[in-house]
Amino acid sequence: MSTAIALDHVGVAARDLAPLAAAYERLGFTLTPIAQQSGRRRPDLPVEKFGSGNRCAFLRHGYVELIAILDPTLYDNGLGAWIARYPGLHILALAMADEQANLERLRSAGVPIPGVAYLERPVEEGGPTARFARLPFPDAPEGRVQLIRHLTPEAIWQDRWMDHANGAVALEAAILVSGAPAESAARLSRLAGLPVEPDPAGGFVLVLPGAQGAAGPRSPAMQTRVRILTPEGLARVLPGVAPPALPGMAGMVLRTGDSNAAARRVLAGLPVREAPEAAPGGLMVPPELAGGAAVVFAPG
């Protein structure tokens, strides 16, 4: 298949990983151990250790990556420039099944992708290495938007990291904002190989069809979405959230498995808001409590 299949993950970037991870643990997420990344700067160069590293919240469908600079003396894979723009959501990864077929499609469409970008990191100290094949859209102003195929999915989607106190089970939507939503939507459509539709809030939505196992070894087949909203549409969907930049990435929607009962317990005492335009019954954690990204829990 030479199109995107599902929403794989989103990534929140910060200068320091410890306070970012602490914020998400306060929100009820179970995080993986710290893992420093390695990769190739270009397809023709050798693998080297990067200065960037992450911790992740793996869900039954998809995951949330928390990424920061662990060693400022090493190549940061563009992370420093993202954070200088704003701390918050900067990574949008769509699952694909065949990197070579998608590379050929994108090149045929005139997208100047030099080749498959491989990335790897240890799952944990002394554990196996997780490996990924990626096709980032070059120089996208929205952030790092990319297609991804997990080469070792069973190594990272482990049961011990998928039980979250807030009840989150699936990454359902990513929310972008743009002053020129048609241009941003066109880029996302070219990357995915799928059409966009008008979004009722103002802007466009990319609907990803889903497939069993598309975003995790045991992930269900479910539709996921990327919403590309106008600033006015963002104000409707994420109340009180200002655009971090134009264009930029503003928030995510996570489906829970218990009608938000656990999320309401975990978030008690925090200044959360109702966000029905993001998801019916949605409960939103404001960006200042989640590393610069609005996090909406949707009852399921």
C-alpha atoms as a PDB file:
ATOM      1  CA  MET A   1       0.000   0.000   0.000  1.00  0.00           C
ATOM      2  CA  SER A   2       1.412   3.395  -0.988  1.00  0.00           C
ATOM      3  CA  THR A   3      -0.676   5.655   1.253  1.00  0.00           C
ATOM      4  CA  ALA A   4      -0.786   6.447   4.949  1.00  0.00           C
ATOM      5  CA  ILE A   5      -2.942   4.116   7.007  1.00  0.00           C
ATOM      6  CA  ALA A   6      -3.371   5.557  10.497  1.00  0.00           C
ATOM      7  CA  LEU A   7      -2.220   8.139  13.002  1.00  0.00           C
ATOM      8  CA  ASP A   8       0.858   6.499  14.530  1.00  0.00           C
ATOM      9  CA  HIS A   9       2.130   9.034  17.062  1.00  0.00           C
ATOM     10  CA  VAL A  10       2.562  12.670  17.992  1.00  0.00           C
ATOM     11  CA  GLY A  11       5.640  14.140  19.660  1.00  0.00           C
ATOM     12  CA  VAL A  12       5.941  16.866  22.296  1.00  0.00           C
ATOM     13  CA  ALA A  13       9.364  18.561  22.376  1.00  0.00           C
ATOM     14  CA  ALA A  14      11.107  20.374  25.229  1.00  0.00           C
ATOM     15  CA  ARG A  15      14.599  21.506  26.164  1.00  0.00           C
ATOM     16  CA  ASP A  16      14.674  19.255  29.241  1.00  0.00           C
ATOM     17  CA  LEU A  17      13.097  15.811  29.399  1.00  0.00           C
ATOM     18  CA  ALA A  18      12.685  15.460  33.186  1.00  0.00           C
ATOM     19  CA  PRO A  19      10.068  18.206  33.764  1.00  0.00           C
ATOM     20  CA  LEU A  20       8.215  17.224  30.584  1.00  0.00           C
ATOM     21  CA  ALA A  21       8.028  13.596  31.708  1.00  0.00           C
ATOM     22  CA  ALA A  22       6.964  14.646  35.207  1.00  0.00           C
ATOM     23  CA  ALA A  23       4.082  16.661  33.735  1.00  0.00           C
ATOM     24  CA  TYR A  24       2.783  13.652  31.795  1.00  0.00           C
ATOM     25  CA  GLU A  25       3.187  11.329  34.746  1.00  0.00           C
ATOM     26  CA  ARG A  26       1.067  13.801  36.743  1.00  0.00           C
ATOM     27  CA  LEU A  27      -1.577  13.416  34.027  1.00  0.00           C
ATOM     28  CA  GLY A  28      -1.642   9.648  34.617  1.00  0.00           C
ATOM     29  CA  PHE A  29       0.629   8.301  31.900  1.00  0.00           C
ATOM     30  CA  THR A  30       3.000   5.364  32.304  1.00  0.00           C
ATOM     31  CA  LEU A  31       6.226   6.250  30.475  1.00  0.00           C
ATOM     32  CA  THR A  32       8.986   4.127  28.984  1.00  0.00           C
ATOM     33  CA  PRO A  33      12.575   4.517  30.211  1.00  0.00           C
ATOM     34  CA  ILE A  34      14.801   7.243  28.769  1.00  0.00           C
ATOM     35  CA  ALA A  35      16.176   6.256  25.354  1.00  0.00           C
ATOM     36  CA  GLN A  36      18.782   8.180  23.356  1.00  0.00           C
ATOM     37  CA  GLN A  37      18.300   8.072  19.595  1.00  0.00           C
ATOM     38  CA  SER A  38      20.680   7.170  16.760  1.00  0.00           C
ATOM     39  CA  GLY A  39      20.342   7.494  13.020  1.00  0.00           C
ATOM     40  CA  ARG A  40      21.796   8.776   9.748  1.00  0.00           C
ATOM     41  CA  ARG A  41      21.907  12.464   8.870  1.00  0.00           C
ATOM     42  CA  ARG A  42      21.485  11.405   5.247  1.00  0.00           C
ATOM     43  CA  PRO A  43      20.737   7.984   3.754  1.00  0.00           C
ATOM     44  CA  ASP A  44      24.332   7.724   2.502  1.00  0.00           C
ATOM     45  CA  LEU A  45      25.969   8.494   5.886  1.00  0.00           C
ATOM     46  CA  PRO A  46      26.752   6.067   8.739  1.00  0.00           C
ATOM     47  CA  VAL A  47      24.618   5.653  11.851  1.00  0.00           C
ATOM     48  CA  GLU A  48      25.640   8.009  14.659  1.00  0.00           C
ATOM     49  CA  LYS A  49      24.361   8.739  18.142  1.00  0.00           C
ATOM     50  CA  PHE A  50      22.061  11.770  18.258  1.00  0.00           C
ATOM     51  CA  GLY A  51      21.740  14.273  21.092  1.00  0.00           C
ATOM     52  CA  SER A  52      17.970  13.752  21.214  1.00  0.00           C
ATOM     53  CA  GLY A  53      16.160  11.203  23.357  1.00  0.00           C
ATOM     54  CA  ASN A  54      12.670  10.359  24.475  1.00  0.00           C
ATOM     55  CA  ARG A  55      10.228   8.713  26.782  1.00  0.00           C
ATOM     56  CA  CYS A  56       6.900   7.489  25.420  1.00  0.00           C
ATOM     57  CA  ALA A  57       3.344   6.727  26.493  1.00  0.00           C
ATOM     58  CA  PHE A  58       2.324   3.688  24.440  1.00  0.00           C
ATOM     59  CA  LEU A  59      -1.376   3.112  23.859  1.00  0.00           C
ATOM     60  CA  ARG A  60      -3.290   0.178  22.406  1.00  0.00           C
ATOM     61  CA  HIS A  61      -3.465   2.307  19.244  1.00  0.00           C
ATOM     62  CA  GLY A  62      -0.601   4.741  18.676  1.00  0.00           C
ATOM     63  CA  TYR A  63       1.462   6.599  21.248  1.00  0.00           C
ATOM     64  CA  VAL A  64       2.651   9.961  22.549  1.00  0.00           C
ATOM     65  CA  GLU A  65       6.369  10.715  22.339  1.00  0.00           C
ATOM     66  CA  LEU A  66       8.078  13.104  24.753  1.00  0.00           C
ATOM     67  CA  ILE A  67      11.359  14.219  23.195  1.00  0.00           C
ATOM     68  CA  ALA A  68      14.162  16.499  24.381  1.00  0.00           C
ATOM     69  CA  ILE A  69      17.873  17.179  23.995  1.00  0.00           C
ATOM     70  CA  LEU A  70      19.851  14.804  26.212  1.00  0.00           C
ATOM     71  CA  ASP A  71      23.331  15.783  24.995  1.00  0.00           C
ATOM     72  CA  PRO A  72      23.714  19.285  23.500  1.00  0.00           C
ATOM     73  CA  THR A  73      27.175  18.428  22.145  1.00  0.00           C
ATOM     74  CA  LEU A  74      25.708  15.945  19.637  1.00  0.00           C
ATOM     75  CA  TYR A  75      23.642  16.409  16.489  1.00  0.00           C
ATOM     76  CA  ASP A  76      20.060  17.132  17.585  1.00  0.00           C
ATOM     77  CA  ASN A  77      18.249  16.129  14.353  1.00  0.00           C
ATOM     78  CA  GLY A  78      16.595  19.563  14.142  1.00  0.00           C
ATOM     79  CA  LEU A  79      15.117  19.449  17.636  1.00  0.00           C
ATOM     80  CA  GLY A  80      16.784  22.643  18.859  1.00  0.00           C
ATOM     81  CA  ALA A  81      15.245  24.680  16.046  1.00  0.00           C
ATOM     82  CA  TRP A  82      11.771  23.348  16.859  1.00  0.00           C
ATOM     83  CA  ILE A  83      12.091  24.215  20.530  1.00  0.00           C
ATOM     84  CA  ALA A  84      13.430  27.689  19.703  1.00  0.00           C
ATOM     85  CA  ARG A  85      10.209  28.261  17.788  1.00  0.00           C
ATOM     86  CA  TYR A  86       8.055  27.065  20.713  1.00  0.00           C
ATOM     87  CA  PRO A  87       8.076  24.202  23.226  1.00  0.00           C
ATOM     88  CA  GLY A  88       5.216  21.829  22.515  1.00  0.00           C
ATOM     89  CA  LEU A  89       3.839  19.563  19.824  1.00  0.00           C
ATOM     90  CA  HIS A  90       6.186  19.268  16.826  1.00  0.00           C
ATOM     91  CA  ILE A  91       5.955  15.691  15.524  1.00  0.00           C
ATOM     92  CA  LEU A  92       3.148  14.139  13.515  1.00  0.00           C
ATOM     93  CA  ALA A  93       3.786  10.593  12.289  1.00  0.00           C
ATOM     94  CA  LEU A  94       1.396   8.660  10.040  1.00  0.00           C
ATOM     95  CA  ALA A  95       1.700   4.888   9.793  1.00  0.00           C
ATOM     96  CA  MET A  96       2.594   3.299   6.467  1.00  0.00           C
ATOM     97  CA  ALA A  97       2.985  -0.314   5.392  1.00  0.00           C
ATOM     98  CA  ASP A  98       5.570   0.028   2.591  1.00  0.00           C
ATOM     99  CA  GLU A  99       8.277   2.696   2.702  1.00  0.00           C
ATOM    100  CA  GLN A 100       9.604   1.996  -0.805  1.00  0.00           C
ATOM    101  CA  ALA A 101       6.171   2.257  -2.434  1.00  0.00           C
ATOM    102  CA  ASN A 102       5.476   5.504  -0.591  1.00  0.00           C
ATOM    103  CA  LEU A 103       8.921   6.891  -1.457  1.00  0.00           C
ATOM    104  CA  GLU A 104       8.242   6.232  -5.146  1.00  0.00           C
ATOM    105  CA  ARG A 105       4.788   7.850  -4.899  1.00  0.00           C
ATOM    106  CA  LEU A 106       6.164  10.971  -3.224  1.00  0.00           C
ATOM    107  CA  ARG A 107       9.031  11.317  -5.688  1.00  0.00           C
ATOM    108  CA  SER A 108       6.592  10.892  -8.574  1.00  0.00           C
ATOM    109  CA  ALA A 109       4.578  13.753  -7.064  1.00  0.00           C
ATOM    110  CA  GLY A 110       7.676  15.967  -7.054  1.00  0.00           C
ATOM    111  CA  VAL A 111       8.425  15.815  -3.327  1.00  0.00           C
ATOM    112  CA  PRO A 112      12.257  15.971  -2.985  1.00  0.00           C
ATOM    113  CA  ILE A 113      12.776  13.179  -0.475  1.00  0.00           C
ATOM    114  CA  PRO A 114      16.387  11.908  -0.586  1.00  0.00           C
ATOM    115  CA  GLY A 115      15.487   8.433   0.632  1.00  0.00           C
ATOM    116  CA  VAL A 116      14.249   6.435   3.584  1.00  0.00           C
ATOM    117  CA  ALA A 117      15.433   7.934   6.894  1.00  0.00           C
ATOM    118  CA  TYR A 118      16.176   5.174   9.370  1.00  0.00           C
ATOM    119  CA  LEU A 119      16.164   5.821  13.122  1.00  0.00           C
ATOM    120  CA  GLU A 120      16.893   3.559  16.079  1.00  0.00           C
ATOM    121  CA  ARG A 121      17.077   3.647  19.852  1.00  0.00           C
ATOM    122  CA  PRO A 122      17.410   1.169  22.712  1.00  0.00           C
ATOM    123  CA  VAL A 123      14.101   0.135  24.222  1.00  0.00           C
ATOM    124  CA  GLU A 124      15.740   0.250  27.655  1.00  0.00           C
ATOM    125  CA  GLU A 125      19.234  -0.169  29.045  1.00  0.00           C
ATOM    126  CA  GLY A 126      20.467  -3.637  28.156  1.00  0.00           C
ATOM    127  CA  GLY A 127      17.341  -4.313  26.091  1.00  0.00           C
ATOM    128  CA  PRO A 128      16.669  -4.712  22.365  1.00  0.00           C
ATOM    129  CA  THR A 129      16.998  -1.930  19.796  1.00  0.00           C
ATOM    130  CA  ALA A 130      13.858  -0.413  18.305  1.00  0.00           C
ATOM    131  CA  ARG A 131      14.176   0.491  14.621  1.00  0.00           C
ATOM    132  CA  PHE A 132      12.044   2.682  12.378  1.00  0.00           C
ATOM    133  CA  ALA A 133      11.801   3.535   8.662  1.00  0.00           C
ATOM    134  CA  ARG A 134      10.679   7.131   8.088  1.00  0.00           C
ATOM    135  CA  LEU A 135       9.756   9.437   5.220  1.00  0.00           C
ATOM    136  CA  PRO A 136       9.743  13.018   6.559  1.00  0.00           C
ATOM    137  CA  PHE A 137       8.162  15.690   4.347  1.00  0.00           C
ATOM    138  CA  PRO A 138      11.152  18.021   3.704  1.00  0.00           C
ATOM    139  CA  ASP A 139      11.069  21.460   5.334  1.00  0.00           C
ATOM    140  CA  ALA A 140       7.392  21.356   6.295  1.00  0.00           C
ATOM    141  CA  PRO A 141       6.646  24.550   8.254  1.00  0.00           C
ATOM    142  CA  GLU A 142       4.053  22.735  10.389  1.00  0.00           C
ATOM    143  CA  GLY A 143       6.774  20.665  12.087  1.00  0.00           C
ATOM    144  CA  ARG A 144       8.142  17.190  11.507  1.00  0.00           C
ATOM    145  CA  VAL A 145       5.366  15.549   9.519  1.00  0.00           C
ATOM    146  CA  GLN A 146       6.335  12.093   8.322  1.00  0.00           C
ATOM    147  CA  LEU A 147       5.339   8.603   7.332  1.00  0.00           C
ATOM    148  CA  ILE A 148       6.678   5.828   9.561  1.00  0.00           C
ATOM    149  CA  ARG A 149       6.891   2.052   9.611  1.00  0.00           C
ATOM    150  CA  HIS A 150       7.956   0.267  12.765  1.00  0.00           C
ATOM    151  CA  LEU A 151      10.498  -2.433  12.000  1.00  0.00           C
ATOM    152  CA  THR A 152      10.403  -3.840  15.555  1.00  0.00           C
ATOM    153  CA  PRO A 153       6.912  -3.018  16.894  1.00  0.00           C
ATOM    154  CA  GLU A 154       6.746  -5.826  19.463  1.00  0.00           C
ATOM    155  CA  ALA A 155       9.843  -4.432  21.177  1.00  0.00           C
ATOM    156  CA  ILE A 156       8.173  -1.167  22.158  1.00  0.00           C
ATOM    157  CA  TRP A 157       4.448  -1.893  22.466  1.00  0.00           C
ATOM    158  CA  GLN A 158       4.790  -3.891  25.679  1.00  0.00           C
ATOM    159  CA  ASP A 159       1.945  -4.533  28.124  1.00  0.00           C
ATOM    160  CA  ARG A 160       3.885  -3.051  31.044  1.00  0.00           C
ATOM    161  CA  TRP A 161       3.879   0.362  29.327  1.00  0.00           C
ATOM    162  CA  MET A 162       0.283   0.390  28.056  1.00  0.00           C
ATOM    163  CA  ASP A 163      -1.637   0.519  31.342  1.00  0.00           C
ATOM    164  CA  HIS A 164      -2.295   4.194  32.142  1.00  0.00           C
ATOM    165  CA  ALA A 165      -3.924   5.537  35.288  1.00  0.00           C
ATOM    166  CA  ASN A 166      -5.937   7.977  33.148  1.00  0.00           C
ATOM    167  CA  GLY A 167      -7.510   5.175  31.104  1.00  0.00           C
ATOM    168  CA  ALA A 168      -6.100   6.302  27.722  1.00  0.00           C
ATOM    169  CA  VAL A 169      -6.142   3.554  25.088  1.00  0.00           C
ATOM    170  CA  ALA A 170      -5.883   5.204  21.649  1.00  0.00           C
ATOM    171  CA  LEU A 171      -4.507   8.247  19.860  1.00  0.00           C
ATOM    172  CA  GLU A 172      -7.538   9.401  17.923  1.00  0.00           C
ATOM    173  CA  ALA A 173      -6.687  12.811  16.448  1.00  0.00           C
ATOM    174  CA  ALA A 174      -3.990  15.445  16.065  1.00  0.00           C
ATOM    175  CA  ILE A 175      -4.958  19.101  15.850  1.00  0.00           C
ATOM    176  CA  LEU A 176      -2.938  21.548  13.756  1.00  0.00           C
ATOM    177  CA  VAL A 177      -3.521  25.265  13.195  1.00  0.00           C
ATOM    178  CA  SER A 178      -2.579  27.328  10.156  1.00  0.00           C
ATOM    179  CA  GLY A 179      -3.055  30.823   8.795  1.00  0.00           C
ATOM    180  CA  ALA A 180      -3.165  29.197   5.351  1.00  0.00           C
ATOM    181  CA  PRO A 181      -5.018  25.949   6.070  1.00  0.00           C
ATOM    182  CA  ALA A 182      -5.427  25.031   2.393  1.00  0.00           C
ATOM    183  CA  GLU A 183      -1.642  25.066   1.925  1.00  0.00           C
ATOM    184  CA  SER A 184      -1.024  23.036   5.082  1.00  0.00           C
ATOM    185  CA  ALA A 185      -3.770  20.586   4.164  1.00  0.00           C
ATOM    186  CA  ALA A 186      -2.288  20.159   0.673  1.00  0.00           C
ATOM    187  CA  ARG A 187       1.083  19.207   2.185  1.00  0.00           C
ATOM    188  CA  LEU A 188      -0.514  16.680   4.520  1.00  0.00           C
ATOM    189  CA  SER A 189      -2.587  15.281   1.669  1.00  0.00           C
ATOM    190  CA  ARG A 190       0.513  14.847  -0.508  1.00  0.00           C
ATOM    191  CA  LEU A 191       2.382  13.139   2.312  1.00  0.00           C
ATOM    192  CA  ALA A 192      -0.485  10.771   3.090  1.00  0.00           C
ATOM    193  CA  GLY A 193      -1.606  10.153  -0.490  1.00  0.00           C
ATOM    194  CA  LEU A 194      -5.172  10.728   0.699  1.00  0.00           C
ATOM    195  CA  PRO A 195      -7.691  13.542   0.101  1.00  0.00           C
ATOM    196  CA  VAL A 196      -8.701  16.088   2.709  1.00  0.00           C
ATOM    197  CA  GLU A 197     -12.237  17.174   3.510  1.00  0.00           C
ATOM    198  CA  PRO A 198     -13.675  20.413   4.912  1.00  0.00           C
ATOM    199  CA  ASP A 199     -13.631  20.549   8.717  1.00  0.00           C
ATOM    200  CA  PRO A 200     -16.888  21.872  10.199  1.00  0.00           C
ATOM    201  CA  ALA A 201     -14.945  24.038  12.661  1.00  0.00           C
ATOM    202  CA  GLY A 202     -13.100  25.819   9.848  1.00  0.00           C
ATOM    203  CA  GLY A 203     -10.227  24.353   7.871  1.00  0.00           C
ATOM    204  CA  PHE A 204      -9.680  20.789   6.710  1.00  0.00           C
ATOM    205  CA  VAL A 205      -9.486  17.256   8.049  1.00  0.00           C
ATOM    206  CA  LEU A 206      -7.437  14.316   6.839  1.00  0.00           C
ATOM    207  CA  VAL A 207      -9.210  11.048   7.619  1.00  0.00           C
ATOM    208  CA  LEU A 208      -6.974   7.987   7.870  1.00  0.00           C
ATOM    209  CA  PRO A 209      -8.827   4.727   7.192  1.00  0.00           C
ATOM    210  CA  GLY A 210      -7.102   2.472   9.730  1.00  0.00           C
ATOM    211  CA  ALA A 211      -6.291  -1.224   9.685  1.00  0.00           C
ATOM    212  CA  GLN A 212      -5.800  -3.856  12.314  1.00  0.00           C
ATOM    213  CA  GLY A 213      -2.236  -3.683  13.601  1.00  0.00           C
ATOM    214  CA  ALA A 214      -1.536  -0.380  11.836  1.00  0.00           C
ATOM    215  CA  ALA A 215      -0.503   1.563  14.969  1.00  0.00           C
ATOM    216  CA  GLY A 216       0.714  -1.158  17.310  1.00  0.00           C
ATOM    217  CA  PRO A 217       0.895  -4.951  17.028  1.00  0.00           C
ATOM    218  CA  ARG A 218      -2.561  -5.405  18.581  1.00  0.00           C
ATOM    219  CA  SER A 219      -4.149  -2.103  17.602  1.00  0.00           C
ATOM    220  CA  PRO A 220      -7.745  -2.273  16.390  1.00  0.00           C
ATOM    221  CA  ALA A 221      -8.845  -1.072  12.974  1.00  0.00           C
ATOM    222  CA  MET A 222     -10.123   2.468  13.617  1.00  0.00           C
ATOM    223  CA  GLN A 223     -10.351   5.740  11.780  1.00  0.00           C
ATOM    224  CA  THR A 224      -8.053   8.497  12.998  1.00  0.00           C
ATOM    225  CA  ARG A 225      -7.877  12.133  11.957  1.00  0.00           C
ATOM    226  CA  VAL A 226      -5.582  15.078  11.471  1.00  0.00           C
ATOM    227  CA  ARG A 227      -7.452  18.374  11.734  1.00  0.00           C
ATOM    228  CA  ILE A 228      -5.882  21.459  10.104  1.00  0.00           C
ATOM    229  CA  LEU A 229      -7.803  24.375  11.574  1.00  0.00           C
ATOM    230  CA  THR A 230      -7.927  28.123  11.142  1.00  0.00           C
ATOM    231  CA  PRO A 231      -7.086  30.155  14.276  1.00  0.00           C
ATOM    232  CA  GLU A 232     -10.810  30.786  14.698  1.00  0.00           C
ATOM    233  CA  GLY A 233     -11.513  27.069  14.354  1.00  0.00           C
ATOM    234  CA  LEU A 234      -8.851  26.271  16.932  1.00  0.00           C
ATOM    235  CA  ALA A 235     -10.570  28.612  19.414  1.00  0.00           C
ATOM    236  CA  ARG A 236     -13.777  26.610  18.937  1.00  0.00           C
ATOM    237  CA  VAL A 237     -12.194  23.179  19.188  1.00  0.00           C
ATOM    238  CA  LEU A 238      -9.677  23.877  21.976  1.00  0.00           C
ATOM    239  CA  PRO A 239     -11.232  26.610  24.147  1.00  0.00           C
ATOM    240  CA  GLY A 240      -8.728  29.098  25.518  1.00  0.00           C
ATOM    241  CA  VAL A 241      -5.796  27.655  23.544  1.00  0.00           C
ATOM    242  CA  ALA A 242      -3.810  30.172  21.488  1.00  0.00           C
ATOM    243  CA  PRO A 243      -1.934  29.042  18.357  1.00  0.00           C
ATOM    244  CA  PRO A 244       1.660  28.221  19.352  1.00  0.00           C
ATOM    245  CA  ALA A 245       2.764  29.435  15.907  1.00  0.00           C
ATOM    246  CA  LEU A 246       1.300  29.662  12.408  1.00  0.00           C
ATOM    247  CA  PRO A 247       1.427  27.037  11.153  1.00  0.00           C
ATOM    248  CA  GLY A 248       1.905  24.772  14.149  1.00  0.00           C
ATOM    249  CA  MET A 249       0.639  21.794  16.093  1.00  0.00           C
ATOM    250  CA  ALA A 250      -1.682  22.547  18.983  1.00  0.00           C
ATOM    251  CA  GLY A 251      -3.173  19.415  20.515  1.00  0.00           C
ATOM    252  CA  MET A 252      -4.130  15.771  20.521  1.00  0.00           C
ATOM    253  CA  VAL A 253      -7.228  13.701  21.285  1.00  0.00           C
ATOM    254  CA  LEU A 254      -6.820  10.474  23.260  1.00  0.00           C
ATOM    255  CA  ARG A 255      -9.651   7.958  23.517  1.00  0.00           C
ATOM    256  CA  THR A 256     -10.217   6.369  26.914  1.00  0.00           C
ATOM    257  CA  GLY A 257     -11.788   2.994  27.573  1.00  0.00           C
ATOM    258  CA  ASP A 258     -13.998   3.919  30.527  1.00  0.00           C
ATOM    259  CA  SER A 259     -15.978   7.024  29.522  1.00  0.00           C
ATOM    260  CA  ASN A 260     -13.285   9.256  31.065  1.00  0.00           C
ATOM    261  CA  ALA A 261     -13.959   7.986  34.601  1.00  0.00           C
ATOM    262  CA  ALA A 262     -10.272   7.380  35.370  1.00  0.00           C
ATOM    263  CA  ALA A 263      -9.177  10.594  33.670  1.00  0.00           C
ATOM    264  CA  ARG A 264     -11.565  12.648  35.803  1.00  0.00           C
ATOM    265  CA  ARG A 265     -10.176  11.041  38.956  1.00  0.00           C
ATOM    266  CA  VAL A 266      -6.557  11.602  37.957  1.00  0.00           C
ATOM    267  CA  LEU A 267      -7.162  15.175  36.817  1.00  0.00           C
ATOM    268  CA  ALA A 268      -9.226  16.213  39.834  1.00  0.00           C
ATOM    269  CA  GLY A 269      -8.015  19.563  41.131  1.00  0.00           C
ATOM    270  CA  LEU A 270      -6.426  20.628  37.836  1.00  0.00           C
ATOM    271  CA  PRO A 271      -7.910  23.450  35.709  1.00  0.00           C
ATOM    272  CA  VAL A 272      -9.288  21.190  32.971  1.00  0.00           C
ATOM    273  CA  ARG A 273     -12.002  22.345  30.562  1.00  0.00           C
ATOM    274  CA  GLU A 274     -14.776  20.698  28.609  1.00  0.00           C
ATOM    275  CA  ALA A 275     -13.946  20.468  24.884  1.00  0.00           C
ATOM    276  CA  PRO A 276     -16.987  19.048  23.056  1.00  0.00           C
ATOM    277  CA  GLU A 277     -15.840  20.375  19.661  1.00  0.00           C
ATOM    278  CA  ALA A 278     -12.656  18.309  19.940  1.00  0.00           C
ATOM    279  CA  ALA A 279     -14.635  15.189  20.878  1.00  0.00           C
ATOM    280  CA  PRO A 280     -18.128  14.689  22.335  1.00  0.00           C
ATOM    281  CA  GLY A 281     -17.647  14.679  26.089  1.00  0.00           C
ATOM    282  CA  GLY A 282     -14.021  15.753  25.665  1.00  0.00           C
ATOM    283  CA  LEU A 283     -12.048  16.828  28.732  1.00  0.00           C
ATOM    284  CA  MET A 284      -9.098  19.112  27.930  1.00  0.00           C
ATOM    285  CA  VAL A 285      -5.859  19.577  29.845  1.00  0.00           C
ATOM    286  CA  PRO A 286      -4.487  23.035  28.924  1.00  0.00           C
ATOM    287  CA  PRO A 287      -1.091  23.311  27.205  1.00  0.00           C
ATOM    288  CA  GLU A 288       0.638  24.818  30.235  1.00  0.00           C
ATOM    289  CA  LEU A 289       0.115  21.535  32.114  1.00  0.00           C
ATOM    290  CA  ALA A 290       1.188  19.267  29.230  1.00  0.00           C
ATOM    291  CA  GLY A 291       4.439  20.624  27.856  1.00  0.00           C
ATOM    292  CA  GLY A 292       2.788  23.126  25.520  1.00  0.00           C
ATOM    293  CA  ALA A 293       0.259  20.737  23.910  1.00  0.00           C
ATOM    294  CA  ALA A 294      -3.443  20.605  24.679  1.00  0.00           C
ATOM    295  CA  VAL A 295      -4.428  17.042  25.626  1.00  0.00           C
ATOM    296  CA  VAL A 296      -8.090  16.079  25.200  1.00  0.00           C
ATOM    297  CA  PHE A 297      -9.431  12.889  26.767  1.00  0.00           C
ATOM    298  CA  ALA A 298     -12.395  11.535  24.790  1.00  0.00           C
ATOM    299  CA  PRO A 299     -14.815   9.098  26.439  1.00  0.00           C
ATOM    300  CA  GLY A 300     -14.991   5.684  24.839  1.00  0.00           C
END
